[in-house]
C-alpha cells in the first residue's frame, strides 16, 4: 500500500477528534448502562433511574451530556421526558467494547457461546 492510498483512507482530522469525544463520553459506567438500557427503545428518565438503581437527578445529568453529544434524543410528553438512542452506532460501540472486555478476561466470551466464532 503506498502513501497516497493510505492518505485517502484516513478519516478527516475533525472526525478523529469527534470520535475521541464520543469515546470520552462513553468512558462512564452509568452512561454505558444508559445506552444498554435504551437499545430496545425509548424510556422515561424515571424508568431509566429504576433500571440503573440511580437517583433520577443523576440519570438526568448523564442524559443531558449524552444529548449534547447527540448520542440520545429527548421527547417530552406532559411532565415526562423520554429518551432514545439517536442511532445504532453508540449501541454498537458499547457492544463491541463489552465483547473486547470479555475477551480480555479469558475463557469463552458470551458472544462465542452459541457456537459461532465472531472476529
PDB file of N, CA and C in Angstrom:
ATOM      1  N   UNK A   1       0.860  -1.173   0.000  1.00  0.00           N
ATOM      2  CA  UNK A   1       0.000   0.000   0.000  1.00  0.00           C
ATOM      3  C   UNK A   1       0.902   1.230   0.000  1.00  0.00           C
ATOM      4  N   UNK A   2       0.671   2.140  -0.962  1.00  0.00           N
ATOM      5  CA  UNK A   2       1.512   3.335  -0.991  1.00  0.00           C
ATOM      6  C   UNK A   2       0.916   4.445  -0.143  1.00  0.00           C
ATOM      7  N   UNK A   3       1.693   5.497   0.089  1.00  0.00           N
ATOM      8  CA  UNK A   3       1.282   6.579   0.990  1.00  0.00           C
ATOM      9  C   UNK A   3       0.032   7.300   0.495  1.00  0.00           C
ATOM     10  N   UNK A   4      -0.101   7.448  -0.837  1.00  0.00           N
ATOM     11  CA  UNK A   4      -1.277   8.141  -1.373  1.00  0.00           C
ATOM     12  C   UNK A   4      -2.558   7.367  -1.085  1.00  0.00           C
ATOM     13  N   UNK A   5      -2.526   6.046  -1.250  1.00  0.00           N
ATOM     14  CA  UNK A   5      -3.700   5.217  -0.985  1.00  0.00           C
ATOM     15  C   UNK A   5      -4.053   5.260   0.493  1.00  0.00           C
ATOM     16  N   UNK A   6      -3.040   5.190   1.357  1.00  0.00           N
ATOM     17  CA  UNK A   6      -3.278   5.227   2.794  1.00  0.00           C
ATOM     18  C   UNK A   6      -3.875   6.564   3.200  1.00  0.00           C
ATOM     19  N   UNK A   7      -3.380   7.677   2.638  1.00  0.00           N
ATOM     20  CA  UNK A   7      -3.892   9.007   2.968  1.00  0.00           C
ATOM     21  C   UNK A   7      -5.352   9.142   2.570  1.00  0.00           C
ATOM     22  N   UNK A   8      -5.754   8.514   1.451  1.00  0.00           N
ATOM     23  CA  UNK A   8      -7.148   8.587   1.018  1.00  0.00           C
ATOM     24  C   UNK A   8      -8.067   7.847   1.976  1.00  0.00           C
ATOM     25  N   UNK A   9      -7.580   6.817   2.661  1.00  0.00           N
ATOM     26  CA  UNK A   9      -8.398   6.027   3.552  1.00  0.00           C
ATOM     27  C   UNK A   9      -8.463   6.604   4.960  1.00  0.00           C
ATOM     28  N   UNK A  10      -7.570   7.499   5.313  1.00  0.00           N
ATOM     29  CA  UNK A  10      -7.572   8.113   6.639  1.00  0.00           C
ATOM     30  C   UNK A  10      -8.765   9.055   6.760  1.00  0.00           C
ATOM     31  N   UNK A  11      -9.510   9.001   7.863  1.00  0.00           N
ATOM     32  CA  UNK A  11     -10.625   9.947   8.039  1.00  0.00           C
ATOM     33  C   UNK A  11     -10.098  11.365   8.275  1.00  0.00           C
ATOM     34  N   UNK A  12     -10.928  12.338   7.980  1.00  0.00           N
ATOM     35  CA  UNK A  12     -10.564  13.722   8.238  1.00  0.00           C
ATOM     36  C   UNK A  12     -10.265  13.908   9.714  1.00  0.00           C
ATOM     37  N   UNK A  13      -9.359  14.803  10.002  1.00  0.00           N
ATOM     38  CA  UNK A  13      -8.944  15.088  11.380  1.00  0.00           C
ATOM     39  C   UNK A  13     -10.137  15.454  12.259  1.00  0.00           C
ATOM     40  N   UNK A  14     -11.095  16.191  11.711  1.00  0.00           N
ATOM     41  CA  UNK A  14     -12.260  16.582  12.517  1.00  0.00           C
ATOM     42  C   UNK A  14     -13.046  15.372  12.985  1.00  0.00           C
ATOM     43  N   UNK A  15     -13.131  14.327  12.163  1.00  0.00           N
ATOM     44  CA  UNK A  15     -13.863  13.128  12.552  1.00  0.00           C
ATOM     45  C   UNK A  15     -13.103  12.344  13.612  1.00  0.00           C
ATOM     46  N   UNK A  16     -11.778  12.352  13.522  1.00  0.00           N
ATOM     47  CA  UNK A  16     -10.972  11.689  14.539  1.00  0.00           C
ATOM     48  C   UNK A  16     -11.185  12.383  15.878  1.00  0.00           C
ATOM     49  N   UNK A  17     -11.175  13.710  15.879  1.00  0.00           N
ATOM     50  CA  UNK A  17     -11.387  14.474  17.117  1.00  0.00           C
ATOM     51  C   UNK A  17     -12.778  14.212  17.690  1.00  0.00           C
ATOM     52  N   UNK A  18     -13.785  14.168  16.838  1.00  0.00           N
ATOM     53  CA  UNK A  18     -15.142  13.874  17.308  1.00  0.00           C
ATOM     54  C   UNK A  18     -15.251  12.445  17.835  1.00  0.00           C
ATOM     55  N   UNK A  19     -14.555  11.508  17.203  1.00  0.00           N
ATOM     56  CA  UNK A  19     -14.558  10.125  17.686  1.00  0.00           C
ATOM     57  C   UNK A  19     -13.964  10.052  19.087  1.00  0.00           C
ATOM     58  N   UNK A  20     -12.912  10.816  19.331  1.00  0.00           N
ATOM     59  CA  UNK A  20     -12.306  10.855  20.659  1.00  0.00           C
ATOM     60  C   UNK A  20     -13.309  11.397  21.674  1.00  0.00           C
ATOM     61  N   UNK A  21     -14.084  12.399  21.290  1.00  0.00           N
ATOM     62  CA  UNK A  21     -15.110  12.943  22.184  1.00  0.00           C
ATOM     63  C   UNK A  21     -16.187  11.902  22.484  1.00  0.00           C
ATOM     64  N   UNK A  22     -16.550  11.105  21.490  1.00  0.00           N
ATOM     65  CA  UNK A  22     -17.545  10.050  21.714  1.00  0.00           C
ATOM     66  C   UNK A  22     -17.001   9.036  22.712  1.00  0.00           C
ATOM     67  N   UNK A  23     -15.738   8.618  22.522  1.00  0.00           N
ATOM     68  CA  UNK A  23     -15.142   7.671  23.467  1.00  0.00           C
ATOM     69  C   UNK A  23     -15.079   8.266  24.866  1.00  0.00           C
ATOM     70  N   UNK A  24     -14.752   9.538  24.973  1.00  0.00           N
ATOM     71  CA  UNK A  24     -14.713  10.188  26.287  1.00  0.00           C
ATOM     72  C   UNK A  24     -16.099  10.197  26.925  1.00  0.00           C
ATOM     73  N   UNK A  25     -17.119  10.427  26.119  1.00  0.00           N
ATOM     74  CA  UNK A  25     -18.488  10.433  26.624  1.00  0.00           C
ATOM     75  C   UNK A  25     -18.889   9.044  27.122  1.00  0.00           C
ATOM     76  N   UNK A  26     -18.371   8.009  26.482  1.00  0.00           N
ATOM     77  CA  UNK A  26     -18.723   6.642  26.850  1.00  0.00           C
ATOM     78  C   UNK A  26     -17.822   6.079  27.948  1.00  0.00           C
ATOM     79  N   UNK A  27     -16.897   6.889  28.434  1.00  0.00           N
ATOM     80  CA  UNK A  27     -15.961   6.432  29.473  1.00  0.00           C
ATOM     81  C   UNK A  27     -16.555   6.620  30.864  1.00  0.00           C
ATOM     82  N   UNK A  28     -17.806   6.249  31.015  1.00  0.00           N
ATOM     83  CA  UNK A  28     -18.508   6.354  32.288  1.00  0.00           C
ATOM     84  C   UNK A  28     -19.494   5.189  32.369  1.00  0.00           C
ATOM     85  N   UNK A  29     -19.413   4.423  33.443  1.00  0.00           N
ATOM     86  CA  UNK A  29     -20.238   3.222  33.570  1.00  0.00           C
ATOM     87  C   UNK A  29     -21.737   3.528  33.526  1.00  0.00           C
ATOM     88  N   UNK A  30     -22.157   4.627  34.130  1.00  0.00           N
ATOM     89  CA  UNK A  30     -23.587   4.959  34.113  1.00  0.00           C
ATOM     90  C   UNK A  30     -24.058   5.256  32.701  1.00  0.00           C
ATOM     91  N   UNK A  31     -23.265   5.994  31.944  1.00  0.00           N
ATOM     92  CA  UNK A  31     -23.661   6.308  30.565  1.00  0.00           C
ATOM     93  C   UNK A  31     -23.674   5.051  29.693  1.00  0.00           C
ATOM     94  N   UNK A  32     -22.738   4.152  29.916  1.00  0.00           N
ATOM     95  CA  UNK A  32     -22.751   2.887  29.175  1.00  0.00           C
ATOM     96  C   UNK A  32     -24.012   2.103  29.523  1.00  0.00           C
ATOM     97  N   UNK A  33     -24.375   2.073  30.789  1.00  0.00           N
ATOM     98  CA  UNK A  33     -25.593   1.360  31.199  1.00  0.00           C
ATOM     99  C   UNK A  33     -26.851   2.016  30.625  1.00  0.00           C
ATOM    100  N   UNK A  34     -26.843   3.331  30.508  1.00  0.00           N
ATOM    101  CA  UNK A  34     -27.971   4.032  29.875  1.00  0.00           C
ATOM    102  C   UNK A  34     -28.115   3.572  28.434  1.00  0.00           C
ATOM    103  N   UNK A  35     -27.009   3.532  27.713  1.00  0.00           N
ATOM    104  CA  UNK A  35     -27.052   3.110  26.314  1.00  0.00           C
ATOM    105  C   UNK A  35     -27.537   1.673  26.208  1.00  0.00           C
ATOM    106  N   UNK A  36     -27.068   0.807  27.083  1.00  0.00           N
ATOM    107  CA  UNK A  36     -27.544  -0.577  27.071  1.00  0.00           C
ATOM    108  C   UNK A  36     -29.048  -0.648  27.337  1.00  0.00           C
ATOM    109  N   UNK A  37     -29.527   0.161  28.266  1.00  0.00           N
ATOM    110  CA  UNK A  37     -30.959   0.159  28.598  1.00  0.00           C
ATOM    111  C   UNK A  37     -31.815   0.685  27.451  1.00  0.00           C
ATOM    112  N   UNK A  38     -31.256   1.584  26.646  1.00  0.00           N
ATOM    113  CA  UNK A  38     -32.016   2.197  25.555  1.00  0.00           C
ATOM    114  C   UNK A  38     -31.934   1.419  24.246  1.00  0.00           C
ATOM    115  N   UNK A  39     -31.232   0.313  24.239  1.00  0.00           N
ATOM    116  CA  UNK A  39     -31.095  -0.459  22.986  1.00  0.00           C
ATOM    117  C   UNK A  39     -32.425  -0.920  22.435  1.00  0.00           C
ATOM    118  N   UNK A  40     -33.382  -1.220  23.310  1.00  0.00           N
ATOM    119  CA  UNK A  40     -34.663  -1.762  22.848  1.00  0.00           C
ATOM    120  C   UNK A  40     -35.738  -0.704  22.644  1.00  0.00           C
ATOM    121  N   UNK A  41     -35.402   0.560  22.835  1.00  0.00           N
ATOM    122  CA  UNK A  41     -36.385   1.611  22.603  1.00  0.00           C
ATOM    123  C   UNK A  41     -36.340   2.678  23.668  1.00  0.00           C
ATOM    124  N   UNK A  42     -37.221   3.656  23.526  1.00  0.00           N
ATOM    125  CA  UNK A  42     -37.177   4.792  24.426  1.00  0.00           C
ATOM    126  C   UNK A  42     -37.703   4.462  25.816  1.00  0.00           C
ATOM    127  N   UNK A  43     -37.146   5.182  26.787  1.00  0.00           N
ATOM    128  CA  UNK A  43     -37.558   5.039  28.177  1.00  0.00           C
ATOM    129  C   UNK A  43     -37.618   6.414  28.828  1.00  0.00           C
ATOM    130  N   UNK A  44     -38.451   6.529  29.843  1.00  0.00           N
ATOM    131  CA  UNK A  44     -38.519   7.780  30.598  1.00  0.00           C
ATOM    132  C   UNK A  44     -37.327   7.859  31.547  1.00  0.00           C
ATOM    133  N   UNK A  45     -37.054   9.057  32.021  1.00  0.00           N
ATOM    134  CA  UNK A  45     -35.974   9.256  32.978  1.00  0.00           C
ATOM    135  C   UNK A  45     -36.204   8.406  34.223  1.00  0.00           C
ATOM    136  N   UNK A  46     -37.424   8.402  34.728  1.00  0.00           N
ATOM    137  CA  UNK A  46     -37.725   7.628  35.934  1.00  0.00           C
ATOM    138  C   UNK A  46     -37.561   6.134  35.717  1.00  0.00           C
ATOM    139  N   UNK A  47     -37.957   5.643  34.559  1.00  0.00           N
ATOM    140  CA  UNK A  47     -37.784   4.226  34.258  1.00  0.00           C
ATOM    141  C   UNK A  47     -36.291   3.897  34.189  1.00  0.00           C
ATOM    142  N   UNK A  48     -35.511   4.750  33.527  1.00  0.00           N
ATOM    143  CA  UNK A  48     -34.063   4.546  33.473  1.00  0.00           C
ATOM    144  C   UNK A  48     -33.459   4.559  34.871  1.00  0.00           C
ATOM    145  N   UNK A  49     -33.912   5.482  35.699  1.00  0.00           N
ATOM    146  CA  UNK A  49     -33.401   5.559  37.071  1.00  0.00           C
ATOM    147  C   UNK A  49     -33.685   4.262  37.820  1.00  0.00           C
ATOM    148  N   UNK A  50     -34.880   3.694  37.627  1.00  0.00           N
ATOM    149  CA  UNK A  50     -35.226   2.417  38.269  1.00  0.00           C
ATOM    150  C   UNK A  50     -34.341   1.287  37.747  1.00  0.00           C
ATOM    151  N   UNK A  51     -34.168   1.238  36.428  1.00  0.00           N
ATOM    152  CA  UNK A  51     -33.353   0.186  35.815  1.00  0.00           C
ATOM    153  C   UNK A  51     -31.909   0.259  36.315  1.00  0.00           C
ATOM    154  N   UNK A  52     -31.388   1.476  36.419  1.00  0.00           N
ATOM    155  CA  UNK A  52     -29.988   1.668  36.814  1.00  0.00           C
ATOM    156  C   UNK A  52     -29.796   1.709  38.324  1.00  0.00           C
ATOM    157  N   UNK A  53     -30.899   1.774  39.058  1.00  0.00           N
ATOM    158  CA  UNK A  53     -30.854   1.905  40.513  1.00  0.00           C
ATOM    159  C   UNK A  53     -30.030   3.132  40.914  1.00  0.00           C
ATOM    160  N   UNK A  54     -30.343   4.246  40.249  1.00  0.00           N
ATOM    161  CA  UNK A  54     -29.677   5.526  40.497  1.00  0.00           C
ATOM    162  C   UNK A  54     -30.762   6.592  40.686  1.00  0.00           C
ATOM    163  N   UNK A  55     -30.433   7.679  41.383  1.00  0.00           N
ATOM    164  CA  UNK A  55     -31.412   8.766  41.511  1.00  0.00           C
ATOM    165  C   UNK A  55     -31.734   9.387  40.143  1.00  0.00           C
ATOM    166  N   UNK A  56     -32.978   9.752  39.953  1.00  0.00           N
ATOM    167  CA  UNK A  56     -33.408  10.341  38.676  1.00  0.00           C
ATOM    168  C   UNK A  56     -32.593  11.587  38.334  1.00  0.00           C
ATOM    169  N   UNK A  57     -32.236  12.388  39.325  1.00  0.00           N
ATOM    170  CA  UNK A  57     -31.455  13.605  39.055  1.00  0.00           C
ATOM    171  C   UNK A  57     -30.086  13.260  38.477  1.00  0.00           C
ATOM    172  N   UNK A  58     -29.460  12.225  38.997  1.00  0.00           N
ATOM    173  CA  UNK A  58     -28.151  11.810  38.477  1.00  0.00           C
ATOM    174  C   UNK A  58     -28.280  11.284  37.053  1.00  0.00           C
ATOM    175  N   UNK A  59     -29.310  10.487  36.807  1.00  0.00           N
ATOM    176  CA  UNK A  59     -29.538   9.949  35.461  1.00  0.00           C
ATOM    177  C   UNK A  59     -29.811  11.094  34.492  1.00  0.00           C
ATOM    178  N   UNK A  60     -30.572  12.092  34.918  1.00  0.00           N
ATOM    179  CA  UNK A  60     -30.857  13.251  34.069  1.00  0.00           C
ATOM    180  C   UNK A  60     -29.585  13.984  33.668  1.00  0.00           C
ATOM    181  N   UNK A  61     -28.655  14.115  34.598  1.00  0.00           N
ATOM    182  CA  UNK A  61     -27.393  14.785  34.272  1.00  0.00           C
ATOM    183  C   UNK A  61     -26.613  14.006  33.216  1.00  0.00           C
ATOM    184  N   UNK A  62     -26.575  12.692  33.343  1.00  0.00           N
ATOM    185  CA  UNK A  62     -25.893  11.877  32.338  1.00  0.00           C
ATOM    186  C   UNK A  62     -26.605  11.955  30.990  1.00  0.00           C
ATOM    187  N   UNK A  63     -27.931  11.931  31.019  1.00  0.00           N
ATOM    188  CA  UNK A  63     -28.702  12.036  29.780  1.00  0.00           C
ATOM    189  C   UNK A  63     -28.475  13.380  29.100  1.00  0.00           C
ATOM    190  N   UNK A  64     -28.344  14.447  29.880  1.00  0.00           N
ATOM    191  CA  UNK A  64     -28.079  15.767  29.298  1.00  0.00           C
ATOM    192  C   UNK A  64     -26.751  15.763  28.552  1.00  0.00           C
ATOM    193  N   UNK A  65     -25.735  15.134  29.120  1.00  0.00           N
ATOM    194  CA  UNK A  65     -24.435  15.046  28.441  1.00  0.00           C
ATOM    195  C   UNK A  65     -24.539  14.212  27.171  1.00  0.00           C
ATOM    196  N   UNK A  66     -25.249  13.105  27.253  1.00  0.00           N
ATOM    197  CA  UNK A  66     -25.425  12.271  26.067  1.00  0.00           C
ATOM    198  C   UNK A  66     -26.232  12.992  24.993  1.00  0.00           C
ATOM    199  N   UNK A  67     -27.186  13.802  25.407  1.00  0.00           N
ATOM    200  CA  UNK A  67     -27.970  14.568  24.447  1.00  0.00           C
ATOM    201  C   UNK A  67     -27.113  15.639  23.764  1.00  0.00           C
ATOM    202  N   UNK A  68     -26.268  16.324  24.535  1.00  0.00           N
ATOM    203  CA  UNK A  68     -25.370  17.325  23.945  1.00  0.00           C
ATOM    204  C   UNK A  68     -24.397  16.691  22.956  1.00  0.00           C
ATOM    205  N   UNK A  69     -24.025  15.456  23.213  1.00  0.00           N
ATOM    206  CA  UNK A  69     -23.121  14.733  22.319  1.00  0.00           C
ATOM    207  C   UNK A  69     -23.875  14.100  21.141  1.00  0.00           C
ATOM    208  N   UNK A  70     -25.190  14.305  21.087  1.00  0.00           N
ATOM    209  CA  UNK A  70     -26.065  13.773  20.041  1.00  0.00           C
ATOM    210  C   UNK A  70     -26.075  12.239  19.996  1.00  0.00           C
ATOM    211  N   UNK A  71     -25.900  11.632  21.171  1.00  0.00           N
ATOM    212  CA  UNK A  71     -25.970  10.183  21.267  1.00  0.00           C
ATOM    213  C   UNK A  71     -27.398   9.744  21.578  1.00  0.00           C
ATOM    214  N   UNK A  72     -28.125  10.557  22.347  1.00  0.00           N
ATOM    215  CA  UNK A  72     -29.534  10.302  22.616  1.00  0.00           C
ATOM    216  C   UNK A  72     -30.342  11.535  22.226  1.00  0.00           C
ATOM    217  N   UNK A  73     -31.633  11.319  22.031  1.00  0.00           N
ATOM    218  CA  UNK A  73     -32.545  12.436  21.798  1.00  0.00           C
ATOM    219  C   UNK A  73     -33.687  12.332  22.798  1.00  0.00           C
ATOM    220  N   UNK A  74     -34.332  13.456  23.042  1.00  0.00           N
ATOM    221  CA  UNK A  74     -35.385  13.519  24.057  1.00  0.00           C
ATOM    222  C   UNK A  74     -36.716  13.894  23.416  1.00  0.00           C
ATOM    223  N   UNK A  75     -37.783  13.396  24.055  1.00  0.00           N
ATOM    224  CA  UNK A  75     -39.154  13.740  23.658  1.00  0.00           C
ATOM    225  C   UNK A  75     -39.936  13.947  24.939  1.00  0.00           C
ATOM    226  N   UNK A  76     -40.623  15.085  25.009  1.00  0.00           N
ATOM    227  CA  UNK A  76     -41.401  15.370  26.208  1.00  0.00           C
ATOM    228  C   UNK A  76     -42.870  15.064  25.960  1.00  0.00           C
ATOM    229  N   UNK A  77     -43.477  14.408  26.949  1.00  0.00           N
ATOM    230  CA  UNK A  77     -44.895  14.090  26.900  1.00  0.00           C
ATOM    231  C   UNK A  77     -45.468  14.481  28.256  1.00  0.00           C
ATOM    232  N   UNK A  78     -46.210  15.579  28.272  1.00  0.00           N
ATOM    233  CA  UNK A  78     -46.723  16.155  29.523  1.00  0.00           C
ATOM    234  C   UNK A  78     -45.534  16.452  30.438  1.00  0.00           C
ATOM    235  N   UNK A  79     -45.530  15.871  31.628  1.00  0.00           N
ATOM    236  CA  UNK A  79     -44.438  16.117  32.579  1.00  0.00           C
ATOM    237  C   UNK A  79     -43.282  15.132  32.456  1.00  0.00           C
ATOM    238  N   UNK A  80     -43.423  14.160  31.589  1.00  0.00           N
ATOM    239  CA  UNK A  80     -42.392  13.115  31.468  1.00  0.00           C
ATOM    240  C   UNK A  80     -41.521  13.360  30.247  1.00  0.00           C
ATOM    241  N   UNK A  81     -40.239  13.033  30.396  1.00  0.00           N
ATOM    242  CA  UNK A  81     -39.300  13.125  29.284  1.00  0.00           C
ATOM    243  C   UNK A  81     -38.825  11.719  28.952  1.00  0.00           C
ATOM    244  N   UNK A  82     -38.897  11.391  27.675  1.00  0.00           N
ATOM    245  CA  UNK A  82     -38.480  10.082  27.195  1.00  0.00           C
ATOM    246  C   UNK A  82     -37.216  10.247  26.356  1.00  0.00           C
ATOM    247  N   UNK A  83     -36.309   9.294  26.495  1.00  0.00           N
ATOM    248  CA  UNK A  83     -35.053   9.326  25.752  1.00  0.00           C
ATOM    249  C   UNK A  83     -34.937   8.083  24.889  1.00  0.00           C
ATOM    250  N   UNK A  84     -34.270   8.245  23.758  1.00  0.00           N
ATOM    251  CA  UNK A  84     -33.957   7.122  22.880  1.00  0.00           C
ATOM    252  C   UNK A  84     -32.588   7.365  22.266  1.00  0.00           C
ATOM    253  N   UNK A  85     -31.989   6.291  21.773  1.00  0.00           N
ATOM    254  CA  UNK A  85     -30.715   6.427  21.085  1.00  0.00           C
ATOM    255  C   UNK A  85     -30.942   7.148  19.769  1.00  0.00           C
ATOM    256  N   UNK A  86     -30.036   8.035  19.440  1.00  0.00           N
ATOM    257  CA  UNK A  86     -30.142   8.797  18.198  1.00  0.00           C
ATOM    258  C   UNK A  86     -29.964   7.881  16.981  1.00  0.00           C
ATOM    259  N   UNK A  87     -29.080   6.893  17.105  1.00  0.00           N
ATOM    260  CA  UNK A  87     -28.872   5.896  16.051  1.00  0.00           C
ATOM    261  C   UNK A  87     -28.250   4.661  16.695  1.00  0.00           C
ATOM    262  N   UNK A  88     -27.948   3.666  15.898  1.00  0.00           N
ATOM    263  CA  UNK A  88     -27.456   2.399  16.442  1.00  0.00           C
ATOM    264  C   UNK A  88     -25.959   2.387  16.719  1.00  0.00           C
ATOM    265  N   UNK A  89     -25.234   3.429  16.347  1.00  0.00           N
ATOM    266  CA  UNK A  89     -23.770   3.396  16.433  1.00  0.00           C
ATOM    267  C   UNK A  89     -23.238   3.367  17.867  1.00  0.00           C
ATOM    268  N   UNK A  90     -23.796   4.141  18.759  1.00  0.00           N
ATOM    269  CA  UNK A  90     -23.331   4.117  20.155  1.00  0.00           C
ATOM    270  C   UNK A  90     -23.593   2.750  20.770  1.00  0.00           C
ATOM    271  N   UNK A  91     -24.724   2.166  20.457  1.00  0.00           N
ATOM    272  CA  UNK A  91     -25.041   0.831  20.964  1.00  0.00           C
ATOM    273  C   UNK A  91     -24.026  -0.183  20.446  1.00  0.00           C
ATOM    274  N   UNK A  92     -23.665  -0.067  19.181  1.00  0.00           N
ATOM    275  CA  UNK A  92     -22.685  -0.991  18.604  1.00  0.00           C
ATOM    276  C   UNK A  92     -21.313  -0.791  19.244  1.00  0.00           C
ATOM    277  N   UNK A  93     -20.923   0.465  19.488  1.00  0.00           N
ATOM    278  CA  UNK A  93     -19.648   0.732  20.163  1.00  0.00           C
ATOM    279  C   UNK A  93     -19.611   0.092  21.544  1.00  0.00           C
ATOM    280  N   UNK A  94     -20.691   0.242  22.279  1.00  0.00           N
ATOM    281  CA  UNK A  94     -20.768  -0.333  23.628  1.00  0.00           C
ATOM    282  C   UNK A  94     -20.730  -1.855  23.548  1.00  0.00           C
ATOM    283  N   UNK A  95     -21.482  -2.435  22.625  1.00  0.00           N
ATOM    284  CA  UNK A  95     -21.469  -3.895  22.471  1.00  0.00           C
ATOM    285  C   UNK A  95     -20.074  -4.397  22.115  1.00  0.00           C
ATOM    286  N   UNK A  96     -19.405  -3.695  21.210  1.00  0.00           N
ATOM    287  CA  UNK A  96     -18.047  -4.087  20.831  1.00  0.00           C
ATOM    288  C   UNK A  96     -17.083  -3.951  22.002  1.00  0.00           C
ATOM    289  N   UNK A  97     -17.226  -2.899  22.786  1.00  0.00           N
ATOM    290  CA  UNK A  97     -16.351  -2.704  23.951  1.00  0.00           C
ATOM    291  C   UNK A  97     -16.571  -3.809  24.978  1.00  0.00           C
ATOM    292  N   UNK A  98     -17.817  -4.208  25.182  1.00  0.00           N
ATOM    293  CA  UNK A  98     -18.106  -5.287  26.122  1.00  0.00           C
ATOM    294  C   UNK A  98     -17.538  -6.607  25.596  1.00  0.00           C
ATOM    295  N   UNK A  99     -17.657  -6.835  24.294  1.00  0.00           N
ATOM    296  CA  UNK A  99     -17.063  -8.039  23.712  1.00  0.00           C
ATOM    297  C   UNK A  99     -15.552  -8.047  23.893  1.00  0.00           C
ATOM    298  N   UNK A 100     -14.921  -6.911  23.696  1.00  0.00           N
ATOM    299  CA  UNK A 100     -13.476  -6.805  23.896  1.00  0.00           C
ATOM    300  C   UNK A 100     -13.124  -7.095  25.361  1.00  0.00           C
ATOM    301  N   UNK A 101     -13.912  -6.571  26.274  1.00  0.00           N
ATOM    302  CA  UNK A 101     -13.669  -6.808  27.701  1.00  0.00           C
ATOM    303  C   UNK A 101     -13.806  -8.288  28.026  1.00  0.00           C
ATOM    304  N   UNK A 102     -14.811  -8.947  27.450  1.00  0.00           N
ATOM    305  CA  UNK A 102     -14.991 -10.382  27.683  1.00  0.00           C
ATOM    306  C   UNK A 102     -13.777 -11.168  27.184  1.00  0.00           C
ATOM    307  N   UNK A 103     -13.233 -10.784  26.032  1.00  0.00           N
ATOM    308  CA  UNK A 103     -12.031 -11.440  25.504  1.00  0.00           C
ATOM    309  C   UNK A 103     -10.845 -11.214  26.429  1.00  0.00           C
ATOM    310  N   UNK A 104     -10.758 -10.032  26.990  1.00  0.00           N
ATOM    311  CA  UNK A 104      -9.632  -9.695  27.861  1.00  0.00           C
ATOM    312  C   UNK A 104      -9.609 -10.522  29.130  1.00  0.00           C
ATOM    313  N   UNK A 105     -10.781 -10.977  29.578  1.00  0.00           N
ATOM    314  CA  UNK A 105     -10.860 -11.746  30.813  1.00  0.00           C
ATOM    315  C   UNK A 105     -10.533 -13.222  30.621  1.00  0.00           C
ATOM    316  N   UNK A 106     -10.391 -13.642  29.385  1.00  0.00           N
ATOM    317  CA  UNK A 106     -10.092 -15.044  29.125  1.00  0.00           C
ATOM    318  C   UNK A 106     -11.346 -15.881  29.137  1.00  0.00           C
ATOM    319  N   UNK A 107     -11.168 -17.165  28.915  1.00  0.00           N
ATOM    320  CA  UNK A 107     -12.332 -18.044  28.866  1.00  0.00           C
ATOM    321  C   UNK A 107     -13.086 -17.864  27.565  1.00  0.00           C
ATOM    322  N   UNK A 108     -14.317 -18.327  27.535  1.00  0.00           N
ATOM    323  CA  UNK A 108     -15.147 -18.212  26.337  1.00  0.00           C
ATOM    324  C   UNK A 108     -16.106 -17.047  26.521  1.00  0.00           C
ATOM    325  N   UNK A 109     -15.945 -15.992  25.714  1.00  0.00           N
ATOM    326  CA  UNK A 109     -16.860 -14.846  25.811  1.00  0.00           C
ATOM    327  C   UNK A 109     -18.299 -15.264  25.484  1.00  0.00           C
ATOM    328  N   UNK A 110     -19.250 -14.571  26.072  1.00  0.00           N
ATOM    329  CA  UNK A 110     -20.667 -14.893  25.858  1.00  0.00           C
ATOM    330  C   UNK A 110     -21.041 -14.895  24.384  1.00  0.00           C
ATOM    331  N   UNK A 111     -20.465 -13.978  23.607  1.00  0.00           N
ATOM    332  CA  UNK A 111     -20.839 -13.903  22.200  1.00  0.00           C
ATOM    333  C   UNK A 111     -20.270 -15.064  21.379  1.00  0.00           C
ATOM    334  N   UNK A 112     -19.449 -15.926  21.985  1.00  0.00           N
ATOM    335  CA  UNK A 112     -18.947 -17.123  21.314  1.00  0.00           C
ATOM    336  C   UNK A 112     -19.628 -18.389  21.817  1.00  0.00           C
ATOM    337  N   UNK A 113     -20.413 -18.296  22.855  1.00  0.00           N
ATOM    338  CA  UNK A 113     -21.033 -19.475  23.470  1.00  0.00           C
ATOM    339  C   UNK A 113     -22.067 -20.156  22.587  1.00  0.00           C
ATOM    340  N   UNK A 114     -22.627 -19.439  21.620  1.00  0.00           N
ATOM    341  CA  UNK A 114     -23.651 -20.051  20.763  1.00  0.00           C
ATOM    342  C   UNK A 114     -23.042 -20.936  19.680  1.00  0.00           C
ATOM    343  N   UNK A 115     -21.710 -21.055  19.685  1.00  0.00           N
ATOM    344  CA  UNK A 115     -21.053 -21.937  18.724  1.00  0.00           C
ATOM    345  C   UNK A 115     -20.543 -21.245  17.491  1.00  0.00           C
ATOM    346  N   UNK A 116     -20.906 -19.967  17.296  1.00  0.00           N
ATOM    347  CA  UNK A 116     -20.388 -19.223  16.161  1.00  0.00           C
ATOM    348  C   UNK A 116     -19.195 -18.418  16.606  1.00  0.00           C
ATOM    349  N   UNK A 117     -18.204 -18.377  15.787  1.00  0.00           N
ATOM    350  CA  UNK A 117     -16.988 -17.625  16.095  1.00  0.00           C
ATOM    351  C   UNK A 117     -17.047 -16.284  15.388  1.00  0.00           C
ATOM    352  N   UNK A 118     -17.170 -15.212  16.127  1.00  0.00           N
ATOM    353  CA  UNK A 118     -17.119 -13.868  15.561  1.00  0.00           C
ATOM    354  C   UNK A 118     -15.706 -13.353  15.708  1.00  0.00           C
ATOM    355  N   UNK A 119     -15.278 -12.552  14.770  1.00  0.00           N
ATOM    356  CA  UNK A 119     -13.920 -11.997  14.853  1.00  0.00           C
ATOM    357  C   UNK A 119     -13.841 -10.836  15.781  1.00  0.00           C
TER     358      UNK A 119
END
